[in-house]
Protein backbone atom coordinates (compact mmCIF):
# COMPACT_ATOMS: atom_id res chain seq x y z
CA UNK A 1 92.16 93.12 110.85
CA UNK A 2 95.19 94.13 108.81
CA UNK A 3 98.80 94.09 109.84
CA UNK A 4 100.19 97.16 111.46
CA UNK A 5 102.99 98.92 109.61
CA UNK A 6 105.35 97.65 112.33
CA UNK A 7 104.32 94.03 111.67
CA UNK A 8 104.65 94.47 107.92
CA UNK A 9 108.17 95.87 108.34
CA UNK A 10 109.14 92.98 110.62
CA UNK A 11 107.77 90.41 108.19
CA UNK A 12 109.42 92.13 105.23
CA UNK A 13 112.77 92.30 106.98
CA UNK A 14 112.58 88.59 107.79
CA UNK A 15 111.46 87.54 104.33
CA UNK A 16 113.69 89.68 102.14
CA UNK A 17 117.26 88.49 101.77
CA UNK A 18 119.97 89.03 99.24
CA UNK A 19 120.57 86.01 96.99
CA UNK A 20 123.81 84.29 97.83
CA UNK A 21 126.72 84.17 95.42
CA UNK A 22 126.62 81.41 92.84
CA UNK A 23 130.29 80.69 93.33
CA UNK A 24 131.02 77.20 94.65
CA UNK A 25 133.03 78.68 97.50
CA UNK A 26 130.91 79.90 100.38
CA UNK A 27 132.27 82.52 102.71
CA UNK A 28 131.60 82.54 106.45
CA UNK A 29 129.37 85.59 105.99
CA UNK A 30 127.25 83.81 103.39
CA UNK A 31 126.96 80.77 105.66
CA UNK A 32 125.82 83.01 108.52
CA UNK A 33 123.28 84.65 106.22
CA UNK A 34 122.00 81.23 105.18
CA UNK A 35 121.50 80.33 108.85
CA UNK A 36 119.74 83.58 109.74
CA UNK A 37 117.47 84.03 106.71
CA UNK A 38 113.98 82.55 106.88
CA UNK A 39 113.31 82.70 103.15
CA UNK A 40 115.68 81.51 100.45
CA UNK A 41 114.70 83.28 97.23
CA UNK A 42 116.83 80.87 95.17
CA UNK A 43 115.02 77.71 96.31
CA UNK A 44 111.77 79.36 97.37
CA UNK A 45 111.93 77.45 100.65
CA UNK A 46 111.23 78.82 104.11
CA UNK A 47 113.42 77.74 107.02
CA UNK A 48 110.86 77.41 109.80
CA UNK A 49 113.66 76.75 112.31
CA UNK A 50 115.33 80.09 111.61
CA UNK A 51 115.98 81.96 114.88
CA UNK A 52 114.84 85.12 113.11
CA UNK A 53 111.25 83.82 113.29
CA UNK A 54 111.42 83.77 117.07
CA UNK A 55 109.86 80.32 117.34
CA UNK A 56 106.58 81.55 115.89
CA UNK A 57 106.33 78.51 113.59
CA UNK A 58 106.03 76.32 116.67
CA UNK A 59 103.43 76.36 119.41
CA UNK A 60 99.65 76.43 119.31
CA UNK A 61 99.44 78.96 116.46
CA UNK A 62 102.37 77.65 114.43
CA UNK A 63 100.26 76.49 111.50
CA UNK A 64 98.41 79.82 111.32
CA UNK A 65 101.76 81.64 111.39
CA UNK A 66 103.16 79.42 108.64
CA UNK A 67 100.12 80.04 106.41
CA UNK A 68 100.27 83.81 106.92
CA UNK A 69 104.05 84.07 106.52
CA UNK A 70 104.08 81.81 103.44
CA UNK A 71 101.32 83.87 101.87
CA UNK A 72 103.23 87.09 102.52
CA UNK A 73 106.50 85.75 101.13
CA UNK A 74 104.80 84.53 97.94
CA UNK A 75 102.54 87.57 97.57
CA UNK A 76 102.76 89.42 94.29
CA UNK A 77 100.04 91.88 95.29
CA UNK A 78 100.65 95.56 95.79
CA UNK A 79 101.11 96.48 98.58
CA UNK A 80 102.87 93.23 99.34
CA UNK A 81 100.77 90.90 101.46
CA UNK A 82 97.45 92.67 101.00
CA UNK A 83 96.07 89.41 99.66
CA UNK A 84 97.02 87.69 102.96
CA UNK A 85 94.90 89.76 105.33
CA UNK A 86 92.52 86.88 106.11
CA UNK A 87 95.42 84.58 106.99
CA UNK A 88 96.99 87.19 109.27
CA UNK A 89 93.62 87.81 110.86
CA UNK A 90 93.27 84.07 111.57
CA UNK A 91 96.76 84.10 113.09
CA UNK A 92 95.93 87.07 115.32
CA UNK A 93 92.69 85.40 116.43
CA UNK A 94 94.69 82.31 117.36
CA UNK A 95 97.09 84.50 119.36
CA UNK A 96 94.11 85.89 121.29
CA UNK A 97 92.91 82.35 122.02
CA UNK A 98 96.32 81.55 123.55
CA UNK A 99 97.32 84.64 125.55
CA UNK A 100 99.58 82.57 127.81
CA UNK A 101 101.84 81.86 124.82
CA UNK A 102 101.52 85.12 122.90
CA UNK A 103 101.05 87.86 125.50
CA UNK A 104 104.08 89.77 124.18
CA UNK A 105 102.61 89.81 120.65
CA UNK A 106 99.19 90.79 121.96
CA UNK A 107 100.68 93.62 124.03
CA UNK A 108 102.27 95.02 120.86
CA UNK A 109 98.90 94.83 119.07
CA UNK A 110 97.22 96.71 121.92
CA UNK A 111 99.83 99.47 121.68
CA UNK A 112 99.28 99.76 117.93
CA UNK A 113 95.50 99.92 118.35
CA UNK A 114 95.84 102.63 121.03
CA UNK A 115 98.08 104.67 118.72
CA UNK A 116 95.56 104.32 115.88
CA UNK A 117 92.71 105.43 118.15
CA UNK A 118 94.70 108.45 119.36
CA UNK A 119 95.52 109.42 115.77
CA UNK A 120 91.86 109.15 114.74
CA UNK A 121 90.80 111.25 117.75
CA UNK A 122 93.38 113.91 116.89
CA UNK A 123 92.24 113.98 113.26
CA UNK A 124 88.61 114.30 114.36
CA UNK A 125 89.51 117.21 116.66
CA UNK A 126 91.46 118.93 113.88
CA UNK A 127 88.48 118.67 111.53
CA UNK A 128 86.14 120.08 114.19
CA UNK A 129 88.32 123.19 114.52
């Protein structure tokens, strides 16, 4: 199962940050950015404690999330992350195995699947006409 466009946008917004200034003086804004960015493109490190990850790196599926997110961040494929589908699929399967922890994520997936099914049904009807 591939990521929905919504998930890809969320992952991209978390992983893409502007490099900080190379000046030795750090402004308050740059410090705040450092604390809120999961991926540091300068060092190539991921801050798994970043609040922007919503605690996904912890819990029963933390390792699966880390593998999928790391793969996406490092992906050079086009479209970005297409080479990580198996890792995201494993993460989603883990979410399904732990609905008590990830019900909010699973609810979002259900909404996306319903929207996809409705779109396919509409396209099928349009072709039949």
